[in-house]
PDB file of N, CA and C in Angstrom:
ATOM      1  N   MET A   1      88.381  69.041  99.911  1.00  0.00           N
ATOM      2  CA  MET A   1      87.314  68.328  99.579  1.00  0.00           C
ATOM      3  C   MET A   1      87.276  67.118  98.882  1.00  0.00           C
ATOM      4  N   VAL A   2      86.630  66.710  99.398  1.00  0.00           N
ATOM      5  CA  VAL A   2      86.357  65.289  98.934  1.00  0.00           C
ATOM      6  C   VAL A   2      84.671  64.561  98.360  1.00  0.00           C
ATOM      7  N   GLN A   3      84.664  64.415  97.067  1.00  0.00           N
ATOM      8  CA  GLN A   3      83.144  64.257  96.622  1.00  0.00           C
ATOM      9  C   GLN A   3      83.002  62.688  96.796  1.00  0.00           C
ATOM     10  N   ILE A   4      82.415  62.713  98.360  1.00  0.00           N
ATOM     11  CA  ILE A   4      81.865  61.180  98.862  1.00  0.00           C
ATOM     12  C   ILE A   4      81.099  60.775  97.704  1.00  0.00           C
ATOM     13  N   SER A   5      79.705  61.115  96.874  1.00  0.00           N
ATOM     14  CA  SER A   5      79.239  60.631  96.384  1.00  0.00           C
ATOM     15  C   SER A   5      80.017  60.051  94.839  1.00  0.00           C
ATOM     16  N   ARG A   6      81.221  60.834  94.162  1.00  0.00           N
ATOM     17  CA  ARG A   6      81.271  59.869  93.252  1.00  0.00           C
ATOM     18  C   ARG A   6      82.081  59.039  93.486  1.00  0.00           C
ATOM     19  N   ILE A   7      83.127  59.164  94.597  1.00  0.00           N
ATOM     20  CA  ILE A   7      83.747  57.514  95.629  1.00  0.00           C
ATOM     21  C   ILE A   7      82.601  56.617  95.328  1.00  0.00           C
ATOM     22  N   GLN A   8      81.514  56.773  96.023  1.00  0.00           N
ATOM     23  CA  GLN A   8      80.266  56.061  96.457  1.00  0.00           C
ATOM     24  C   GLN A   8      80.052  55.252  95.358  1.00  0.00           C
ATOM     25  N   GLU A   9      79.780  56.311  93.668  1.00  0.00           N
ATOM     26  CA  GLU A   9      79.564  55.719  92.749  1.00  0.00           C
ATOM     27  C   GLU A   9      80.512  55.042  92.195  1.00  0.00           C
ATOM     28  N   LEU A  10      81.609  55.047  92.240  1.00  0.00           N
ATOM     29  CA  LEU A  10      82.970  54.455  92.057  1.00  0.00           C
ATOM     30  C   LEU A  10      82.475  53.144  92.381  1.00  0.00           C
ATOM     31  N   ARG A  11      82.723  53.107  93.747  1.00  0.00           N
ATOM     32  CA  ARG A  11      82.607  51.621  94.688  1.00  0.00           C
ATOM     33  C   ARG A  11      81.546  50.816  93.572  1.00  0.00           C
ATOM     34  N   GLU A  12      80.241  50.906  93.218  1.00  0.00           N
ATOM     35  CA  GLU A  12      79.277  50.734  93.373  1.00  0.00           C
ATOM     36  C   GLU A  12      79.184  50.310  92.029  1.00  0.00           C
ATOM     37  N   GLU A  13      80.203  51.011  91.333  1.00  0.00           N
ATOM     38  CA  GLU A  13      80.272  50.380  89.782  1.00  0.00           C
ATOM     39  C   GLU A  13      81.449  48.906  90.011  1.00  0.00           C
ATOM     40  N   ILE A  14      82.537  49.125  90.948  1.00  0.00           N
ATOM     41  CA  ILE A  14      83.782  48.358  90.763  1.00  0.00           C
ATOM     42  C   ILE A  14      84.390  47.705  91.818  1.00  0.00           C
ATOM     43  N   GLY A  15      83.291  47.867  92.764  1.00  0.00           N
ATOM     44  CA  GLY A  15      83.521  47.582  94.406  1.00  0.00           C
ATOM     45  C   GLY A  15      84.470  47.366  94.867  1.00  0.00           C
ATOM     46  N   ASP A  16      84.304  47.277  96.726  1.00  0.00           N
ATOM     47  CA  ASP A  16      85.318  47.811  97.036  1.00  0.00           C
ATOM     48  C   ASP A  16      86.530  47.463  97.418  1.00  0.00           C
ATOM     49  N   ASP A  17      86.863  46.208  97.188  1.00  0.00           N
ATOM     50  CA  ASP A  17      88.924  45.814  97.286  1.00  0.00           C
ATOM     51  C   ASP A  17      89.174  46.633  95.726  1.00  0.00           C
ATOM     52  N   ASP A  18      88.421  46.216  94.823  1.00  0.00           N
ATOM     53  CA  ASP A  18      88.939  47.575  93.381  1.00  0.00           C
ATOM     54  C   ASP A  18      88.985  48.572  93.610  1.00  0.00           C
ATOM     55  N   MET A  19      88.184  49.272  94.088  1.00  0.00           N
ATOM     56  CA  MET A  19      88.303  50.679  94.693  1.00  0.00           C
ATOM     57  C   MET A  19      89.226  51.237  95.504  1.00  0.00           C
ATOM     58  N   ARG A  20      89.724  50.245  96.526  1.00  0.00           N
ATOM     59  CA  ARG A  20      90.775  51.026  97.286  1.00  0.00           C
ATOM     60  C   ARG A  20      91.737  50.438  96.433  1.00  0.00           C
ATOM     61  N   ALA A  21      92.203  49.598  95.379  1.00  0.00           N
ATOM     62  CA  ALA A  21      93.324  49.062  94.533  1.00  0.00           C
ATOM     63  C   ALA A  21      93.688  50.549  93.443  1.00  0.00           C
ATOM     64  N   VAL A  22      92.376  50.879  92.958  1.00  0.00           N
ATOM     65  CA  VAL A  22      92.375  51.949  92.147  1.00  0.00           C
ATOM     66  C   VAL A  22      92.991  53.313  92.740  1.00  0.00           C
ATOM     67  N   LEU A  23      92.673  53.375  94.276  1.00  0.00           N
ATOM     68  CA  LEU A  23      92.987  54.387  95.020  1.00  0.00           C
ATOM     69  C   LEU A  23      94.778  54.298  95.362  1.00  0.00           C
ATOM     70  N   ASP A  24      94.747  53.479  95.871  1.00  0.00           N
ATOM     71  CA  ASP A  24      96.338  53.101  96.445  1.00  0.00           C
ATOM     72  C   ASP A  24      97.130  54.084  94.985  1.00  0.00           C
ATOM     73  N   ILE A  25      97.019  52.958  93.963  1.00  0.00           N
ATOM     74  CA  ILE A  25      97.587  52.966  92.689  1.00  0.00           C
ATOM     75  C   ILE A  25      97.657  54.493  92.859  1.00  0.00           C
ATOM     76  N   PHE A  26      96.474  55.154  92.748  1.00  0.00           N
ATOM     77  CA  PHE A  26      96.165  57.176  92.292  1.00  0.00           C
ATOM     78  C   PHE A  26      97.649  57.345  93.133  1.00  0.00           C
ATOM     79  N   GLN A  27      97.427  57.069  94.274  1.00  0.00           N
ATOM     80  CA  GLN A  27      98.127  57.503  95.077  1.00  0.00           C
ATOM     81  C   GLN A  27      99.106  57.649  95.268  1.00  0.00           C
ATOM     82  N   ALA A  28      99.505  56.752  94.998  1.00  0.00           N
ATOM     83  CA  ALA A  28     101.720  56.085  94.850  1.00  0.00           C
ATOM     84  C   ALA A  28     101.964  57.185  93.820  1.00  0.00           C
ATOM     85  N   GLU A  29     101.037  56.580  92.560  1.00  0.00           N
ATOM     86  CA  GLU A  29     101.519  57.460  91.397  1.00  0.00           C
ATOM     87  C   GLU A  29     101.425  58.312  91.195  1.00  0.00           C
ATOM     88  N   ALA A  30     100.558  59.237  92.123  1.00  0.00           N
ATOM     89  CA  ALA A  30     100.310  60.938  92.742  1.00  0.00           C
ATOM     90  C   ALA A  30     102.022  61.089  93.435  1.00  0.00           C
ATOM     91  N   GLU A  31     101.770  60.569  94.125  1.00  0.00           N
ATOM     92  CA  GLU A  31     103.425  60.914  95.203  1.00  0.00           C
ATOM     93  C   GLU A  31     104.647  61.418  94.217  1.00  0.00           C
ATOM     94  N   GLN A  32     104.832  60.351  93.724  1.00  0.00           N
ATOM     95  CA  GLN A  32     106.092  60.304  92.710  1.00  0.00           C
ATOM     96  C   GLN A  32     106.209  61.450  91.835  1.00  0.00           C
ATOM     97  N   VAL A  33     104.689  61.193  91.135  1.00  0.00           N
ATOM     98  CA  VAL A  33     104.667  62.598  90.053  1.00  0.00           C
ATOM     99  C   VAL A  33     105.001  63.856  90.925  1.00  0.00           C
ATOM    100  N   ILE A  34     104.403  63.732  92.070  1.00  0.00           N
ATOM    101  CA  ILE A  34     104.743  65.241  92.833  1.00  0.00           C
ATOM    102  C   ILE A  34     106.092  65.795  93.126  1.00  0.00           C
ATOM    103  N   LEU A  35     106.573  64.801  93.489  1.00  0.00           N
ATOM    104  CA  LEU A  35     108.088  64.275  94.382  1.00  0.00           C
ATOM    105  C   LEU A  35     108.468  64.790  92.805  1.00  0.00           C
ATOM    106  N   SER A  36     108.708  64.527  91.828  1.00  0.00           N
ATOM    107  CA  SER A  36     109.450  65.344  90.196  1.00  0.00           C
ATOM    108  C   SER A  36     108.788  66.540  89.843  1.00  0.00           C
ATOM    109  N   LEU A  37     107.990  67.410  90.482  1.00  0.00           N
ATOM    110  CA  LEU A  37     107.518  68.491  89.710  1.00  0.00           C
ATOM    111  C   LEU A  37     108.631  69.463  89.957  1.00  0.00           C
ATOM    112  N   ASP A  38     109.447  69.731  90.669  1.00  0.00           N
ATOM    113  CA  ASP A  38     110.230  70.890  90.932  1.00  0.00           C
ATOM    114  C   ASP A  38     111.675  70.463  89.974  1.00  0.00           C
ATOM    115  N   LEU A  39     111.715  68.737  89.751  1.00  0.00           N
ATOM    116  CA  LEU A  39     113.067  68.564  88.829  1.00  0.00           C
ATOM    117  C   LEU A  39     112.758  69.079  87.324  1.00  0.00           C
ATOM    118  N   LEU A  40     111.562  69.236  87.426  1.00  0.00           N
ATOM    119  CA  LEU A  40     110.873  68.376  85.675  1.00  0.00           C
ATOM    120  C   LEU A  40     111.437  70.385  85.129  1.00  0.00           C
ATOM    121  N   THR A  41     112.336  70.464  84.626  1.00  0.00           N
ATOM    122  CA  THR A  41     112.865  71.537  83.731  1.00  0.00           C
ATOM    123  C   THR A  41     112.374  71.994  82.283  1.00  0.00           C
ATOM    124  N   ASP A  42     111.668  70.865  81.794  1.00  0.00           N
ATOM    125  CA  ASP A  42     110.684  70.814  80.346  1.00  0.00           C
ATOM    126  C   ASP A  42     109.441  71.464  80.605  1.00  0.00           C
ATOM    127  N   ASP A  43     108.438  72.738  80.474  1.00  0.00           N
ATOM    128  CA  ASP A  43     107.539  73.246  80.260  1.00  0.00           C
ATOM    129  C   ASP A  43     106.403  72.077  79.825  1.00  0.00           C
ATOM    130  N   ASN A  44     106.659  71.407  79.094  1.00  0.00           N
ATOM    131  CA  ASN A  44     105.164  70.257  78.361  1.00  0.00           C
ATOM    132  C   ASN A  44     105.137  69.034  79.225  1.00  0.00           C
ATOM    133  N   ALA A  45     106.321  68.653  79.691  1.00  0.00           N
ATOM    134  CA  ALA A  45     106.703  67.619  80.538  1.00  0.00           C
ATOM    135  C   ALA A  45     105.416  67.988  82.050  1.00  0.00           C
ATOM    136  N   TYR A  46     106.120  68.824  82.465  1.00  0.00           N
ATOM    137  CA  TYR A  46     105.589  69.561  83.592  1.00  0.00           C
ATOM    138  C   TYR A  46     104.069  69.949  83.391  1.00  0.00           C
ATOM    139  N   GLU A  47     103.155  70.313  82.664  1.00  0.00           N
ATOM    140  CA  GLU A  47     102.191  70.270  81.812  1.00  0.00           C
ATOM    141  C   GLU A  47     101.683  69.047  81.701  1.00  0.00           C
ATOM    142  N   LYS A  48     101.941  68.304  81.533  1.00  0.00           N
ATOM    143  CA  LYS A  48     101.853  66.557  81.308  1.00  0.00           C
ATOM    144  C   LYS A  48     100.973  66.053  82.818  1.00  0.00           C
ATOM    145  N   ALA A  49     102.132  66.601  83.721  1.00  0.00           N
ATOM    146  CA  ALA A  49     102.455  66.147  85.265  1.00  0.00           C
ATOM    147  C   ALA A  49     101.303  66.684  85.612  1.00  0.00           C
ATOM    148  N   ILE A  50     100.988  67.413  85.905  1.00  0.00           N
ATOM    149  CA  ILE A  50      99.869  68.619  86.325  1.00  0.00           C
ATOM    150  C   ILE A  50      98.813  68.092  85.907  1.00  0.00           C
ATOM    151  N   HIS A  51      98.490  67.790  84.492  1.00  0.00           N
ATOM    152  CA  HIS A  51      97.701  67.128  83.553  1.00  0.00           C
ATOM    153  C   HIS A  51      97.061  66.035  84.226  1.00  0.00           C
ATOM    154  N   PHE A  52      97.590  64.871  84.565  1.00  0.00           N
ATOM    155  CA  PHE A  52      97.831  63.858  85.705  1.00  0.00           C
ATOM    156  C   PHE A  52      97.116  63.389  86.794  1.00  0.00           C
ATOM    157  N   LEU A  53      97.781  64.596  87.291  1.00  0.00           N
ATOM    158  CA  LEU A  53      97.045  65.086  88.494  1.00  0.00           C
ATOM    159  C   LEU A  53      95.746  65.373  89.495  1.00  0.00           C
ATOM    160  N   ARG A  54      95.834  66.306  88.066  1.00  0.00           N
ATOM    161  CA  ARG A  54      94.327  67.177  87.832  1.00  0.00           C
ATOM    162  C   ARG A  54      92.988  66.540  87.351  1.00  0.00           C
ATOM    163  N   SER A  55      93.213  65.827  85.774  1.00  0.00           N
ATOM    164  CA  SER A  55      92.082  64.732  85.869  1.00  0.00           C
ATOM    165  C   SER A  55      92.063  63.644  86.836  1.00  0.00           C
ATOM    166  N   GLY A  56      93.327  62.827  87.365  1.00  0.00           N
ATOM    167  CA  GLY A  56      93.002  61.894  87.510  1.00  0.00           C
ATOM    168  C   GLY A  56      92.882  62.196  88.974  1.00  0.00           C
ATOM    169  N   ALA A  57      92.385  63.087  90.026  1.00  0.00           N
ATOM    170  CA  ALA A  57      92.415  63.515  90.817  1.00  0.00           C
ATOM    171  C   ALA A  57      90.539  63.937  90.657  1.00  0.00           C
ATOM    172  N   LEU A  58      90.203  64.214  89.661  1.00  0.00           N
ATOM    173  CA  LEU A  58      88.202  64.437  89.253  1.00  0.00           C
ATOM    174  C   LEU A  58      88.245  63.248  88.498  1.00  0.00           C
ATOM    175  N   ASN A  59      88.388  62.362  88.514  1.00  0.00           N
ATOM    176  CA  ASN A  59      88.090  61.297  88.330  1.00  0.00           C
ATOM    177  C   ASN A  59      87.618  60.407  89.727  1.00  0.00           C
ATOM    178  N   LEU A  60      88.538  61.107  90.569  1.00  0.00           N
ATOM    179  CA  LEU A  60      88.075  60.088  91.840  1.00  0.00           C
ATOM    180  C   LEU A  60      87.406  60.982  93.038  1.00  0.00           C
ATOM    181  N   GLY A  61      86.713  62.074  92.486  1.00  0.00           N
ATOM    182  CA  GLY A  61      86.374  63.143  93.398  1.00  0.00           C
ATOM    183  C   GLY A  61      87.101  63.341  94.165  1.00  0.00           C
ATOM    184  N   LEU A  62      88.171  63.758  93.729  1.00  0.00           N
ATOM    185  CA  LEU A  62      89.210  64.273  95.158  1.00  0.00           C
ATOM    186  C   LEU A  62      89.555  65.908  94.069  1.00  0.00           C
ATOM    187  N   LEU A  63      88.433  66.578  95.036  1.00  0.00           N
ATOM    188  CA  LEU A  63      88.424  67.832  94.177  1.00  0.00           C
ATOM    189  C   LEU A  63      89.428  69.063  94.522  1.00  0.00           C
ATOM    190  N   SER A  64      89.803  69.157  95.949  1.00  0.00           N
ATOM    191  CA  SER A  64      90.419  69.936  96.860  1.00  0.00           C
ATOM    192  C   SER A  64      91.924  69.667  95.921  1.00  0.00           C
ATOM    193  N   LEU A  65      92.550  68.448  95.403  1.00  0.00           N
ATOM    194  CA  LEU A  65      93.471  67.850  95.042  1.00  0.00           C
ATOM    195  C   LEU A  65      94.016  68.387  93.468  1.00  0.00           C
ATOM    196  N   ALA A  66      92.168  67.928  92.868  1.00  0.00           N
ATOM    197  CA  ALA A  66      92.278  68.706  91.540  1.00  0.00           C
ATOM    198  C   ALA A  66      92.305  70.090  91.277  1.00  0.00           C
ATOM    199  N   SER A  67      92.025  71.043  92.205  1.00  0.00           N
ATOM    200  CA  SER A  67      92.166  72.394  92.260  1.00  0.00           C
ATOM    201  C   SER A  67      93.245  72.715  92.423  1.00  0.00           C
ATOM    202  N   GLU A  68      94.024  72.554  92.981  1.00  0.00           N
ATOM    203  CA  GLU A  68      95.140  72.399  93.436  1.00  0.00           C
ATOM    204  C   GLU A  68      95.982  72.327  92.237  1.00  0.00           C
ATOM    205  N   ALA A  69      96.051  71.070  91.835  1.00  0.00           N
ATOM    206  CA  ALA A  69      96.784  70.989  90.616  1.00  0.00           C
ATOM    207  C   ALA A  69      96.672  71.624  89.539  1.00  0.00           C
ATOM    208  N   GLU A  70      95.273  72.646  89.270  1.00  0.00           N
ATOM    209  CA  GLU A  70      95.180  72.832  88.384  1.00  0.00           C
ATOM    210  C   GLU A  70      95.691  74.725  88.888  1.00  0.00           C
ATOM    211  N   SER A  71      95.482  74.793  89.654  1.00  0.00           N
ATOM    212  CA  SER A  71      96.554  76.062  90.523  1.00  0.00           C
ATOM    213  C   SER A  71      98.406  76.029  89.877  1.00  0.00           C
ATOM    214  N   MET A  72      98.621  75.217  89.435  1.00  0.00           N
ATOM    215  CA  MET A  72     100.006  75.327  89.560  1.00  0.00           C
ATOM    216  C   MET A  72     100.802  74.738  88.401  1.00  0.00           C
ATOM    217  N   ARG A  73      99.475  75.027  87.319  1.00  0.00           N
ATOM    218  CA  ARG A  73      99.762  75.419  86.176  1.00  0.00           C
ATOM    219  C   ARG A  73     100.793  76.286  85.270  1.00  0.00           C
ATOM    220  N   HIS A  74     100.466  77.314  85.760  1.00  0.00           N
ATOM    221  CA  HIS A  74     101.222  78.392  85.531  1.00  0.00           C
ATOM    222  C   HIS A  74     102.326  79.264  86.619  1.00  0.00           C
ATOM    223  N   ILE A  75     102.814  78.162  87.830  1.00  0.00           N
ATOM    224  CA  ILE A  75     103.355  78.548  88.500  1.00  0.00           C
ATOM    225  C   ILE A  75     105.112  78.673  88.097  1.00  0.00           C
ATOM    226  N   PRO A  76     106.016  79.952  88.481  1.00  0.00           N
ATOM    227  CA  PRO A  76     107.228  80.058  88.211  1.00  0.00           C
ATOM    228  C   PRO A  76     107.871  78.719  88.987  1.00  0.00           C
ATOM    229  N   LYS A  77     109.005  78.395  87.658  1.00  0.00           N
ATOM    230  CA  LYS A  77     109.692  77.073  88.246  1.00  0.00           C
ATOM    231  C   LYS A  77     110.364  77.596  89.751  1.00  0.00           C
ATOM    232  N   PRO A  78     110.840  78.521  89.593  1.00  0.00           N
ATOM    233  CA  PRO A  78     111.583  78.444  91.065  1.00  0.00           C
ATOM    234  C   PRO A  78     110.602  78.658  92.654  1.00  0.00           C
ATOM    235  N   ARG A  79     109.302  78.280  91.895  1.00  0.00           N
ATOM    236  CA  ARG A  79     108.429  78.330  93.143  1.00  0.00           C
ATOM    237  C   ARG A  79     107.975  77.473  93.352  1.00  0.00           C
ATOM    238  N   ARG A  80     108.136  76.081  92.071  1.00  0.00           N
ATOM    239  CA  ARG A  80     107.575  74.896  91.925  1.00  0.00           C
ATOM    240  C   ARG A  80     107.589  73.935  93.386  1.00  0.00           C
ATOM    241  N   ALA A  81     108.669  74.288  93.815  1.00  0.00           N
ATOM    242  CA  ALA A  81     109.165  73.057  94.862  1.00  0.00           C
ATOM    243  C   ALA A  81     108.336  73.324  96.181  1.00  0.00           C
ATOM    244  N   ALA A  82     107.899  74.389  96.496  1.00  0.00           N
ATOM    245  CA  ALA A  82     107.063  75.065  97.747  1.00  0.00           C
ATOM    246  C   ALA A  82     105.812  74.543  97.335  1.00  0.00           C
ATOM    247  N   ALA A  83     105.138  74.638  95.773  1.00  0.00           N
ATOM    248  CA  ALA A  83     103.932  74.355  95.610  1.00  0.00           C
ATOM    249  C   ALA A  83     103.874  73.001  95.574  1.00  0.00           C
ATOM    250  N   ALA A  84     104.843  72.006  95.540  1.00  0.00           N
ATOM    251  CA  ALA A  84     104.622  70.741  95.364  1.00  0.00           C
ATOM    252  C   ALA A  84     104.137  70.392  96.585  1.00  0.00           C
ATOM    253  N   GLN A  85     105.381  70.882  97.631  1.00  0.00           N
ATOM    254  CA  GLN A  85     105.131  70.249  99.024  1.00  0.00           C
ATOM    255  C   GLN A  85     103.558  70.762  99.421  1.00  0.00           C
ATOM    256  N   ASN A  86     102.839  71.701  98.995  1.00  0.00           N
ATOM    257  CA  ASN A  86     101.424  72.243  99.360  1.00  0.00           C
ATOM    258  C   ASN A  86     100.552  71.493  98.591  1.00  0.00           C
ATOM    259  N   LEU A  87     100.798  70.753  97.511  1.00  0.00           N
ATOM    260  CA  LEU A  87     100.220  69.557  96.859  1.00  0.00           C
ATOM    261  C   LEU A  87     100.132  68.186  97.772  1.00  0.00           C
ATOM    262  N   LYS A  88     101.195  68.010  98.165  1.00  0.00           N
ATOM    263  CA  LYS A  88     101.769  67.001  98.851  1.00  0.00           C
ATOM    264  C   LYS A  88     100.938  66.892 100.493  1.00  0.00           C
ATOM    265  N   ARG A  89     100.849  67.599 100.430  1.00  0.00           N
ATOM    266  CA  ARG A  89     100.060  67.945 101.505  1.00  0.00           C
ATOM    267  C   ARG A  89      98.480  67.696 101.759  1.00  0.00           C
ATOM    268  N   THR A  90      97.670  68.642  99.996  1.00  0.00           N
ATOM    269  CA  THR A  90      96.494  68.302 100.203  1.00  0.00           C
ATOM    270  C   THR A  90      96.413  66.932  99.601  1.00  0.00           C
ATOM    271  N   LEU A  91      97.349  66.096  98.817  1.00  0.00           N
ATOM    272  CA  LEU A  91      96.970  64.489  98.780  1.00  0.00           C
ATOM    273  C   LEU A  91      97.093  63.661  99.907  1.00  0.00           C
ATOM    274  N   ASP A  92      97.813  64.362 101.157  1.00  0.00           N
ATOM    275  CA  ASP A  92      97.929  63.616 101.864  1.00  0.00           C
ATOM    276  C   ASP A  92      96.059  63.742 103.011  1.00  0.00           C
ATOM    277  N   ALA A  93      95.760  64.953 102.820  1.00  0.00           N
ATOM    278  CA  ALA A  93      94.637  65.260 103.779  1.00  0.00           C
ATOM    279  C   ALA A  93      93.232  64.568 102.537  1.00  0.00           C
ATOM    280  N   SER A  94      93.300  64.590 101.316  1.00  0.00           N
ATOM    281  CA  SER A  94      92.703  63.916 101.026  1.00  0.00           C
ATOM    282  C   SER A  94      92.354  61.919 101.727  1.00  0.00           C
ATOM    283  N   PHE A  95      93.337  61.394 100.991  1.00  0.00           N
ATOM    284  CA  PHE A  95      93.225  60.331 101.244  1.00  0.00           C
ATOM    285  C   PHE A  95      93.256  59.839 103.340  1.00  0.00           C
ATOM    286  N   ASP A  96      93.663  60.989 104.304  1.00  0.00           N
ATOM    287  CA  ASP A  96      93.138  61.124 105.456  1.00  0.00           C
ATOM    288  C   ASP A  96      90.967  60.850 105.004  1.00  0.00           C
ATOM    289  N   LYS A  97      91.023  61.651 104.608  1.00  0.00           N
ATOM    290  CA  LYS A  97      89.388  61.895 104.139  1.00  0.00           C
ATOM    291  C   LYS A  97      88.664  60.885 103.921  1.00  0.00           C
ATOM    292  N   LEU A  98      89.579  59.784 103.539  1.00  0.00           N
ATOM    293  CA  LEU A  98      89.221  58.773 102.141  1.00  0.00           C
ATOM    294  C   LEU A  98      88.725  57.535 103.116  1.00  0.00           C
ATOM    295  N   ASN A  99      90.374  57.266 104.272  1.00  0.00           N
ATOM    296  CA  ASN A  99      90.695  56.551 104.616  1.00  0.00           C
ATOM    297  C   ASN A  99      89.490  55.937 105.987  1.00  0.00           C
ATOM    298  N   PRO A 100      88.406  56.500 106.332  1.00  0.00           N
ATOM    299  CA  PRO A 100      87.409  56.122 107.352  1.00  0.00           C
ATOM    300  C   PRO A 100      86.496  55.688 106.716  1.00  0.00           C
ATOM    301  N   PHE A 101      86.503  55.533 105.171  1.00  0.00           N
ATOM    302  CA  PHE A 101      85.020  55.432 104.255  1.00  0.00           C
ATOM    303  C   PHE A 101      85.364  54.326 104.046  1.00  0.00           C
ATOM    304  N   PHE A 102      86.854  53.633 104.141  1.00  0.00           N
ATOM    305  CA  PHE A 102      87.214  52.543 103.401  1.00  0.00           C
ATOM    306  C   PHE A 102      87.269  51.217 104.655  1.00  0.00           C
ATOM    307  N   ILE A 103      87.180  51.841 105.928  1.00  0.00           N
ATOM    308  CA  ILE A 103      86.965  51.188 106.827  1.00  0.00           C
ATOM    309  C   ILE A 103      85.580  50.364 107.311  1.00  0.00           C
ATOM    310  N   THR A 104      85.758  49.199 107.346  1.00  0.00           N
ATOM    311  CA  THR A 104      84.312  48.353 107.690  1.00  0.00           C
ATOM    312  C   THR A 104      84.584  47.519 108.878  1.00  0.00           C
ATOM    313  N   ALA A 105      83.646  47.290 109.359  1.00  0.00           N
ATOM    314  CA  ALA A 105      83.813  46.276 110.531  1.00  0.00           C
ATOM    315  C   ALA A 105      84.249  44.795 110.387  1.00  0.00           C
ATOM    316  N   ALA A 106      84.697  44.259 111.651  1.00  0.00           N
ATOM    317  CA  ALA A 106      85.012  43.127 111.157  1.00  0.00           C
ATOM    318  C   ALA A 106      83.398  41.907 111.757  1.00  0.00           C
TER     319      ALA A 106
END
């Protein structure tokens, strides 16, 4: 689920172009973090990665992504790769929902 009211609030504060840039940066960084999740052997580094994903998603109104990231906090290491794939699908689905919101008529 995407909290459209949060997206609208941020767009009003920083403008369409800057909002799109923020979303693009978060998407790229989140993809890299998700790809690294199953490789992280240090629990502290894993927790920081999950925190980045969850807090960034909440700040941007990406509620499904935040919830999915939160659910990964206590996943055992052998299941992290599969969970990361699910998280990537949630990230992609969230941005699929956002893209039409930024398409404007020429």
